[in-house]
């Protein structure tokens, strides 16, 4: 009986790994371009690490288990709690701000859909220790640069920005008690994703009154910071939060990316630990779920016995961005790449091919040859993807020579065995 891969996971064949390596390469290049340092953590953690951040409800989304010492553990569903734990452990010995990135494999037991799997890779950028909106602007600029690195243009996506601080001030100014804010955020995060009837039922289940609902929905009729200032002119809290967003958008203008970064009151981010500016990135046609998302989380490090530390983070999953790149035709067809392929004319011995390959590989040149005797025609079929083809084991070999074919130009030349490195230009 065949055994399939577990539901929600993927097998990565060489052509699939070619795409994955492309994703990882752009992610890593962008992070380094912006001055981030790479870190990693364990693939499994104590369950408490995740429940302390997200509450006991998170266990439903975990692959959790007990180890042989009866400890409650879970495969990581994200790496942000690990980051917070690591930052808290180092305390003041870390020079702030910390700019770290990671590309972890993460696991979530949740309903699958296009771009959402149960095992995936996620690109994470975090700035810890900077309280000003310059941290948010830097993270958003890096996210835009990442998408451009994949060949996407600003016309292909939008970074939609809001502020949890602003939402909090508007909700409280509208009569919503502070104790009800988390319940409101959880509903509002799904507001644009469900039918009106479902939204009404969610409000009802959370025990919001008709007056509460009208007040909340009224906020979403305000589509600009100017309109918000007019509506809540008497609230100093709203004014200060709106000013913070205006400062952020001023920095975005300095980065030269205003065309793809917009204010969007519908962006809430349901997770309770967000404390300030939040954002999500969508393809302009919104044919996919959010490509990426993040925001400010100033209270998280303190949850793990650290000091209150300002922090901003961002995450982008590999499954969603891969879907968008496929949709835009930005994934080249897969062809196996080899710098040098050696065609061996000696039917009795692999020695000519092995000796030549050993020389090239010792000089860090990717080289391949047939591991058993084959006809030259068969070998040439395999050699088509190579940059150069070297012919060994024939008459030239007996004379101490090797024939080289440049597969790009079609040019052929014969040289001494000891001189071949001089004729290989990559």
Protein backbone atom coordinates (compact mmCIF):
# COMPACT_ATOMS: atom_id res chain seq x y z
CA UNK A 1 0.00 0.00 0.00
CA UNK A 2 1.33 3.42 -0.99
CA UNK A 3 1.93 5.91 1.81
CA UNK A 4 1.07 9.49 0.84
CA UNK A 5 2.61 12.58 2.41
CA UNK A 6 0.62 13.94 5.39
CA UNK A 7 -2.27 16.24 4.53
CA UNK A 8 -1.20 19.85 4.20
CA UNK A 9 2.46 19.07 3.52
CA UNK A 10 4.50 19.00 0.30
CA UNK A 11 7.16 16.89 -1.35
CA UNK A 12 9.84 19.05 -2.93
CA UNK A 13 11.16 17.46 -6.10
CA UNK A 14 14.22 19.13 -7.72
CA UNK A 15 12.05 21.46 -9.83
CA UNK A 16 10.12 22.43 -6.68
CA UNK A 17 13.34 23.04 -4.76
CA UNK A 18 14.47 25.31 -7.57
CA UNK A 19 11.52 27.59 -6.77
CA UNK A 20 12.06 27.29 -3.01
CA UNK A 21 15.69 28.25 -3.38
CA UNK A 22 14.64 31.23 -5.47
CA UNK A 23 12.29 32.35 -2.66
CA UNK A 24 14.93 31.81 0.02
CA UNK A 25 17.55 33.65 -2.05
CA UNK A 26 15.42 36.79 -2.52
CA UNK A 27 14.36 36.73 1.13
CA UNK A 28 17.92 36.42 2.41
CA UNK A 29 19.32 38.97 -0.05
CA UNK A 30 16.69 41.54 0.95
CA UNK A 31 17.23 41.00 4.67
CA UNK A 32 20.98 41.47 4.33
CA UNK A 33 20.45 44.49 2.06
CA UNK A 34 18.55 46.17 4.91
CA UNK A 35 21.11 45.20 7.56
CA UNK A 36 19.26 42.32 9.26
CA UNK A 37 21.12 39.44 10.93
CA UNK A 38 19.96 35.83 10.66
CA UNK A 39 18.87 33.76 13.66
CA UNK A 40 17.12 30.42 14.27
CA UNK A 41 15.41 28.58 17.10
CA UNK A 42 14.12 25.09 17.90
CA UNK A 43 11.53 23.48 15.58
CA UNK A 44 9.57 22.56 18.73
CA UNK A 45 9.04 24.54 21.92
CA UNK A 46 7.21 24.22 25.23
CA UNK A 47 3.47 24.65 24.62
CA UNK A 48 3.45 27.40 27.25
CA UNK A 49 5.51 29.58 24.93
CA UNK A 50 2.55 29.80 22.56
CA UNK A 51 -0.29 29.80 25.12
CA UNK A 52 1.34 32.62 27.06
CA UNK A 53 1.27 34.73 23.88
CA UNK A 54 -2.04 33.66 22.33
CA UNK A 55 -4.05 31.97 25.09
CA UNK A 56 -5.14 28.36 25.51
CA UNK A 57 -7.25 28.52 22.32
CA UNK A 58 -4.05 28.37 20.25
CA UNK A 59 -3.62 24.69 21.21
CA UNK A 60 -6.31 23.79 18.66
CA UNK A 61 -3.97 25.03 15.92
CA UNK A 62 -0.85 23.30 17.22
CA UNK A 63 0.81 19.99 16.48
CA UNK A 64 1.37 19.35 20.19
CA UNK A 65 2.62 16.25 21.99
CA UNK A 66 4.27 14.96 25.16
CA UNK A 67 7.89 13.85 25.04
CA UNK A 68 9.30 10.83 26.89
CA UNK A 69 9.71 12.91 30.02
CA UNK A 70 6.03 13.91 29.89
CA UNK A 71 6.78 17.52 28.90
CA UNK A 72 4.12 19.38 26.87
CA UNK A 73 5.73 20.42 23.59
CA UNK A 74 4.55 21.68 20.18
CA UNK A 75 5.95 22.15 16.71
CA UNK A 76 6.31 25.89 16.24
CA UNK A 77 3.37 27.56 14.44
CA UNK A 78 5.44 30.76 14.13
CA UNK A 79 8.83 31.99 15.29
CA UNK A 80 7.91 35.33 16.92
CA UNK A 81 7.46 33.83 20.43
CA UNK A 82 10.88 32.18 20.05
CA UNK A 83 12.35 35.54 19.08
CA UNK A 84 10.76 37.19 22.12
CA UNK A 85 12.07 34.42 24.40
CA UNK A 86 15.59 34.79 22.97
CA UNK A 87 15.53 38.58 23.30
CA UNK A 88 14.28 38.33 26.89
CA UNK A 89 17.03 35.82 27.73
CA UNK A 90 19.77 38.21 26.58
CA UNK A 91 18.19 41.29 28.12
CA UNK A 92 20.32 44.44 28.10
CA UNK A 93 23.37 42.61 26.77
CA UNK A 94 21.90 43.00 23.26
CA UNK A 95 22.66 46.30 21.59
CA UNK A 96 19.38 47.86 20.50
CA UNK A 97 17.78 48.10 18.11
CA UNK A 98 18.11 44.45 17.14
CA UNK A 99 17.39 43.74 13.45
CA UNK A 100 16.98 39.99 12.98
CA UNK A 101 15.54 37.76 10.27
CA UNK A 102 14.72 34.09 9.96
CA UNK A 103 13.27 31.65 7.42
CA UNK A 104 11.77 28.95 9.68
CA UNK A 105 9.72 25.91 8.75
CA UNK A 106 6.47 26.22 10.71
CA UNK A 107 3.46 24.02 11.39
CA UNK A 108 -0.21 24.91 11.93
CA UNK A 109 -3.14 22.53 12.23
CA UNK A 110 -5.78 24.55 10.41
CA UNK A 111 -8.19 24.40 7.51
CA UNK A 112 -6.33 24.36 4.21
CA UNK A 113 -7.04 26.61 1.25
CA UNK A 114 -5.16 28.12 -1.66
CA UNK A 115 -1.92 29.51 -0.27
CA UNK A 116 -2.48 28.01 3.20
CA UNK A 117 -0.89 24.72 4.21
CA UNK A 118 -0.17 22.95 7.48
CA UNK A 119 3.58 22.96 6.96
CA UNK A 120 5.29 25.90 5.25
CA UNK A 121 8.23 28.26 5.33
CA UNK A 122 7.93 31.86 6.50
CA UNK A 123 10.18 34.86 6.00
CA UNK A 124 10.35 36.89 9.21
CA UNK A 125 11.86 40.34 9.77
CA UNK A 126 11.84 41.96 13.21
CA UNK A 127 13.21 45.18 14.67
CA UNK A 128 13.36 45.10 18.47
CA UNK A 129 14.23 48.10 20.63
CA UNK A 130 13.06 51.00 18.45
CA UNK A 131 9.92 52.85 19.59
CA UNK A 132 9.56 55.33 16.72
CA UNK A 133 7.61 54.68 13.50
CA UNK A 134 10.92 54.57 11.64
CA UNK A 135 10.95 50.87 12.56
CA UNK A 136 7.57 50.27 10.91
CA UNK A 137 8.66 52.24 7.84
CA UNK A 138 11.88 50.22 7.54
CA UNK A 139 10.00 46.92 7.81
CA UNK A 140 7.41 47.99 5.22
CA UNK A 141 10.16 49.24 2.88
CA UNK A 142 11.92 45.88 3.20
CA UNK A 143 8.67 44.03 2.43
CA UNK A 144 8.17 46.14 -0.72
CA UNK A 145 11.78 45.52 -1.77
CA UNK A 146 11.23 41.78 -1.28
CA UNK A 147 8.29 41.76 -3.67
CA UNK A 148 10.21 43.82 -6.21
CA UNK A 149 13.03 41.30 -5.89
CA UNK A 150 10.68 38.64 -7.21
CA UNK A 151 9.96 40.77 -10.29
CA UNK A 152 6.65 42.18 -9.08
CA UNK A 153 5.90 45.84 -9.80
CA UNK A 154 4.16 48.28 -7.43
CA UNK A 155 1.07 47.87 -9.62
CA UNK A 156 0.88 44.19 -8.61
CA UNK A 157 0.36 44.67 -4.85
CA UNK A 158 -0.78 47.01 -2.11
CA UNK A 159 0.53 47.38 1.44
CA UNK A 160 -2.59 48.21 3.45
CA UNK A 161 -1.84 50.00 6.72
CA UNK A 162 -3.85 50.79 9.84
CA UNK A 163 -3.13 51.39 13.52
CA UNK A 164 -4.35 49.35 16.46
CA UNK A 165 -3.64 52.35 18.66
CA UNK A 166 -5.85 54.49 16.43
CA UNK A 167 -8.57 51.82 16.38
CA UNK A 168 -8.43 51.59 20.17
CA UNK A 169 -8.80 55.35 20.60
CA UNK A 170 -11.68 55.56 18.09
CA UNK A 171 -13.52 52.59 19.62
CA UNK A 172 -13.18 53.94 23.15
CA UNK A 173 -14.21 57.42 22.00
CA UNK A 174 -17.28 55.75 20.47
CA UNK A 175 -18.26 54.19 23.78
CA UNK A 176 -16.71 50.71 23.50
CA UNK A 177 -15.27 49.63 26.84
CA UNK A 178 -11.55 48.84 26.89
CA UNK A 179 -12.34 45.35 28.22
CA UNK A 180 -14.28 44.64 25.00
CA UNK A 181 -11.55 45.72 22.59
CA UNK A 182 -9.97 42.29 22.02
CA UNK A 183 -13.40 40.85 21.19
CA UNK A 184 -13.98 43.73 18.77
CA UNK A 185 -10.59 43.22 17.09
CA UNK A 186 -11.25 39.51 16.59
CA UNK A 187 -14.52 40.30 14.80
CA UNK A 188 -13.18 43.23 12.81
CA UNK A 189 -10.26 41.18 11.56
CA UNK A 190 -12.81 38.96 9.78
CA UNK A 191 -15.20 41.77 8.83
CA UNK A 192 -14.21 41.95 5.16
CA UNK A 193 -13.94 38.16 4.84
CA UNK A 194 -17.49 37.12 5.80
CA UNK A 195 -21.04 37.79 4.59
CA UNK A 196 -23.07 40.53 6.38
CA UNK A 197 -25.31 37.92 8.01
CA UNK A 198 -22.31 36.08 9.43
CA UNK A 199 -20.86 39.37 10.70
CA UNK A 200 -24.14 40.22 12.46
CA UNK A 201 -24.13 36.81 14.13
CA UNK A 202 -20.55 37.34 15.29
CA UNK A 203 -21.48 40.68 16.87
CA UNK A 204 -24.45 39.00 18.56
CA UNK A 205 -22.39 36.10 19.93
CA UNK A 206 -19.91 38.60 21.37
CA UNK A 207 -22.81 40.44 23.08
CA UNK A 208 -22.33 43.79 21.34
CA UNK A 209 -25.41 46.01 21.52
CA UNK A 210 -27.03 47.65 18.49
CA UNK A 211 -25.54 50.98 19.60
CA UNK A 212 -22.09 49.38 19.84
CA UNK A 213 -22.43 47.89 16.35
CA UNK A 214 -23.52 51.22 14.83
CA UNK A 215 -20.61 52.99 16.52
CA UNK A 216 -18.12 50.39 15.29
CA UNK A 217 -19.47 50.36 11.74
CA UNK A 218 -19.45 54.15 11.65
CA UNK A 219 -15.68 54.06 12.10
CA UNK A 220 -15.32 52.13 8.84
CA UNK A 221 -17.11 54.85 6.90
CA UNK A 222 -14.09 57.07 7.60
CA UNK A 223 -11.67 56.33 4.76
CA UNK A 224 -8.96 58.92 5.43
CA UNK A 225 -6.98 60.28 8.37
CA UNK A 226 -8.44 63.71 7.62
CA UNK A 227 -11.98 62.34 7.97
CA UNK A 228 -11.02 60.62 11.22
CA UNK A 229 -9.60 63.84 12.66
CA UNK A 230 -12.85 65.63 11.75
CA UNK A 231 -15.08 62.93 13.25
CA UNK A 232 -13.09 62.71 16.52
CA UNK A 233 -11.93 66.32 16.77
CA UNK A 234 -12.40 66.33 20.56
CA UNK A 235 -10.26 63.24 21.24
CA UNK A 236 -6.61 63.89 22.04
CA UNK A 237 -5.94 60.15 21.90
CA UNK A 238 -7.29 59.87 18.35
CA UNK A 239 -5.35 62.98 17.34
CA UNK A 240 -2.05 61.58 18.67
CA UNK A 241 -2.59 58.18 17.02
CA UNK A 242 -3.50 59.81 13.69
CA UNK A 243 -0.37 61.98 13.93
CA UNK A 244 1.72 58.82 14.40
CA UNK A 245 0.28 57.35 11.19
CA UNK A 246 0.89 60.61 9.34
CA UNK A 247 4.53 60.52 10.45
CA UNK A 248 4.77 56.94 9.19
CA UNK A 249 3.37 57.87 5.76
CA UNK A 250 5.82 60.78 5.64
CA UNK A 251 8.69 58.30 5.98
CA UNK A 252 7.13 56.02 3.37
CA UNK A 253 7.22 58.99 0.98
CA UNK A 254 10.93 59.41 1.74
CA UNK A 255 11.47 55.75 0.82
CA UNK A 256 9.78 56.45 -2.52
CA UNK A 257 7.14 53.75 -2.15
CA UNK A 258 3.97 55.79 -1.56
CA UNK A 259 2.34 54.43 -4.71
CA UNK A 260 1.89 50.99 -3.17
CA UNK A 261 1.42 51.81 0.56
CA UNK A 262 -2.08 53.00 1.53
CA UNK A 263 -4.24 53.64 4.60
CA UNK A 264 -6.94 50.97 4.99
CA UNK A 265 -9.27 51.04 8.02
CA UNK A 266 -10.24 47.39 7.44
CA UNK A 267 -6.79 46.11 8.47
CA UNK A 268 -7.00 45.09 12.12
CA UNK A 269 -4.90 41.92 12.57
CA UNK A 270 -6.85 39.79 15.04
CA UNK A 271 -3.93 38.77 17.25
CA UNK A 272 -4.22 40.47 20.62
CA UNK A 273 -0.54 41.31 21.04
CA UNK A 274 -0.42 44.05 18.36
CA UNK A 275 -0.16 47.50 19.94
CA UNK A 276 0.40 50.02 17.14
CA UNK A 277 0.68 50.22 13.35
CA UNK A 278 -0.36 47.02 11.57
CA UNK A 279 -0.29 46.12 7.89
CA UNK A 280 -1.16 43.41 5.40
CA UNK A 281 -0.05 43.02 1.77
CA UNK A 282 -2.47 41.91 -0.95
CA UNK A 283 -2.24 41.38 -4.68
CA UNK A 284 -4.13 44.24 -6.32
CA UNK A 285 -6.85 41.92 -7.62
CA UNK A 286 -7.21 40.32 -4.16
CA UNK A 287 -7.41 36.89 -5.76
CA UNK A 288 -5.32 35.51 -2.89
CA UNK A 289 -5.32 35.74 0.87
CA UNK A 290 -2.83 38.20 2.39
CA UNK A 291 0.67 37.75 0.95
CA UNK A 292 2.23 39.01 4.17
CA UNK A 293 1.43 40.90 7.33
CA UNK A 294 2.85 42.35 10.49
CA UNK A 295 2.88 45.22 12.93
CA UNK A 296 4.06 46.62 16.23
CA UNK A 297 4.01 44.40 19.34
CA UNK A 298 5.55 46.37 22.21
CA UNK A 299 4.35 44.08 25.02
CA UNK A 300 5.42 40.64 23.79
CA UNK A 301 9.00 40.48 25.12
CA UNK A 302 7.74 41.33 28.61
CA UNK A 303 5.49 38.23 28.51
CA UNK A 304 8.62 36.09 28.64
CA UNK A 305 10.10 37.68 31.74
CA UNK A 306 11.89 40.40 29.81
CA UNK A 307 11.56 44.16 30.06
CA UNK A 308 8.90 46.11 28.19
CA UNK A 309 10.57 46.37 24.79
CA UNK A 310 9.27 48.04 21.63
CA UNK A 311 9.18 45.72 18.62
CA UNK A 312 7.91 45.53 15.05
CA UNK A 313 7.67 42.38 12.94
CA UNK A 314 6.62 41.03 9.57
CA UNK A 315 5.99 37.57 8.12
CA UNK A 316 5.59 36.26 4.55
CA UNK A 317 4.70 32.62 3.82
CA UNK A 318 6.19 30.75 0.88
CA UNK A 319 2.91 29.20 -0.30
CA UNK A 320 1.07 32.48 -0.97
CA UNK A 321 3.93 34.30 -2.67
CA UNK A 322 4.55 31.23 -4.87
CA UNK A 323 0.90 31.30 -5.98
CA UNK A 324 1.19 34.99 -6.90
CA UNK A 325 4.42 34.49 -8.83
CA UNK A 326 2.81 31.64 -10.79
CA UNK A 327 -0.21 33.83 -11.51
CA UNK A 328 2.06 36.59 -12.83
CA UNK A 329 4.21 34.23 -14.92
CA UNK A 330 7.32 35.06 -12.88
CA UNK A 331 8.51 31.49 -12.33
CA UNK A 332 10.85 30.36 -15.13
CA UNK A 333 10.51 26.82 -16.43
CA UNK A 334 12.84 24.42 -14.68
CA UNK A 335 16.01 23.26 -16.40
CA UNK A 336 18.75 21.39 -14.63
CA UNK A 337 21.84 23.58 -14.58
CA UNK A 338 25.40 22.21 -14.78
CA UNK A 339 28.44 24.35 -15.47
CA UNK A 340 30.46 21.58 -17.10
CA UNK A 341 29.46 18.22 -18.50
CA UNK A 342 32.16 15.72 -19.47
CA UNK A 343 31.53 13.43 -22.46
CA UNK A 344 33.74 10.34 -22.23
CA UNK A 345 34.66 8.47 -25.44
CA UNK A 346 36.45 5.68 -23.54
CA UNK A 347 34.00 2.76 -23.41
CA UNK A 348 36.23 0.66 -21.15
CA UNK A 349 37.12 3.16 -18.42
CA UNK A 350 35.64 6.09 -16.51
CA UNK A 351 39.15 7.26 -15.56
CA UNK A 352 39.38 10.14 -18.11
CA UNK A 353 36.06 11.58 -16.94
CA UNK A 354 36.83 11.10 -13.24
CA UNK A 355 40.31 12.66 -13.46
CA UNK A 356 38.96 15.70 -15.30
CA UNK A 357 36.00 16.07 -12.96
CA UNK A 358 38.28 15.84 -9.92
CA UNK A 359 40.40 18.70 -11.27
CA UNK A 360 37.40 20.91 -11.98
CA UNK A 361 35.64 20.15 -8.70
CA UNK A 362 38.81 20.93 -6.74
CA UNK A 363 38.51 24.39 -8.29
CA UNK A 364 34.85 24.71 -7.20
CA UNK A 365 33.44 24.19 -10.71
CA UNK A 366 30.15 22.24 -10.80
CA UNK A 367 30.83 19.20 -12.97
CA UNK A 368 28.92 16.10 -14.04
CA UNK A 369 29.55 13.00 -16.15
CA UNK A 370 27.87 9.67 -16.91
CA UNK A 371 28.51 7.10 -14.16
CA UNK A 372 28.50 4.19 -16.61
CA UNK A 373 29.60 3.79 -20.25
CA UNK A 374 27.17 5.46 -22.68
CA UNK A 375 27.25 6.42 -26.31
CA UNK A 376 28.49 9.95 -27.03
CA UNK A 377 25.05 10.75 -28.46
CA UNK A 378 23.36 9.73 -25.21
CA UNK A 379 25.84 11.75 -23.18
CA UNK A 380 25.29 14.83 -25.33
CA UNK A 381 21.55 14.65 -24.71
CA UNK A 382 22.25 15.06 -21.00
CA UNK A 383 24.90 17.72 -21.64
CA UNK A 384 22.55 20.22 -23.30
CA UNK A 385 21.95 22.18 -20.09
CA UNK A 386 25.66 22.63 -19.39
CA UNK A 387 27.59 25.84 -20.02
CA UNK A 388 30.57 23.92 -21.37
CA UNK A 389 31.04 20.36 -22.62
CA UNK A 390 34.45 18.72 -22.35
CA UNK A 391 35.30 15.71 -24.56
CA UNK A 392 37.73 13.23 -23.02
CA UNK A 393 38.91 9.65 -23.61
CA UNK A 394 39.37 9.89 -27.38
CA UNK A 395 42.31 10.60 -29.67
CA UNK A 396 42.88 14.09 -28.21
CA UNK A 397 43.05 12.58 -24.71
CA UNK A 398 45.82 10.22 -25.76
CA UNK A 399 47.76 13.28 -26.97
CA UNK A 400 47.29 15.10 -23.66
CA UNK A 401 44.52 17.33 -25.00
CA UNK A 402 40.85 18.04 -24.31
CA UNK A 403 38.23 19.48 -26.66
CA UNK A 404 35.98 22.16 -25.16
CA UNK A 405 32.61 23.23 -26.57
CA UNK A 406 31.01 26.50 -25.47
CA UNK A 407 27.32 25.60 -25.47
CA UNK A 408 26.31 29.27 -25.49
CA UNK A 409 28.24 30.33 -28.59
CA UNK A 410 28.76 26.92 -30.21
CA UNK A 411 32.51 27.58 -30.44
CA UNK A 412 34.86 24.58 -30.10
CA UNK A 413 38.57 24.58 -29.26
CA UNK A 414 41.22 22.06 -28.29
CA UNK A 415 43.68 22.73 -25.45
CA UNK A 416 46.17 20.92 -23.23
CA UNK A 417 44.66 19.07 -20.28
CA UNK A 418 46.53 21.29 -17.84
CA UNK A 419 45.18 24.49 -19.42
CA UNK A 420 41.44 23.83 -19.42
CA UNK A 421 40.74 26.11 -16.43
CA UNK A 422 41.92 29.09 -18.47
CA UNK A 423 39.23 28.46 -21.08
CA UNK A 424 36.25 28.17 -18.74
CA UNK A 425 34.71 31.59 -18.09
CA UNK A 426 31.50 31.86 -16.02
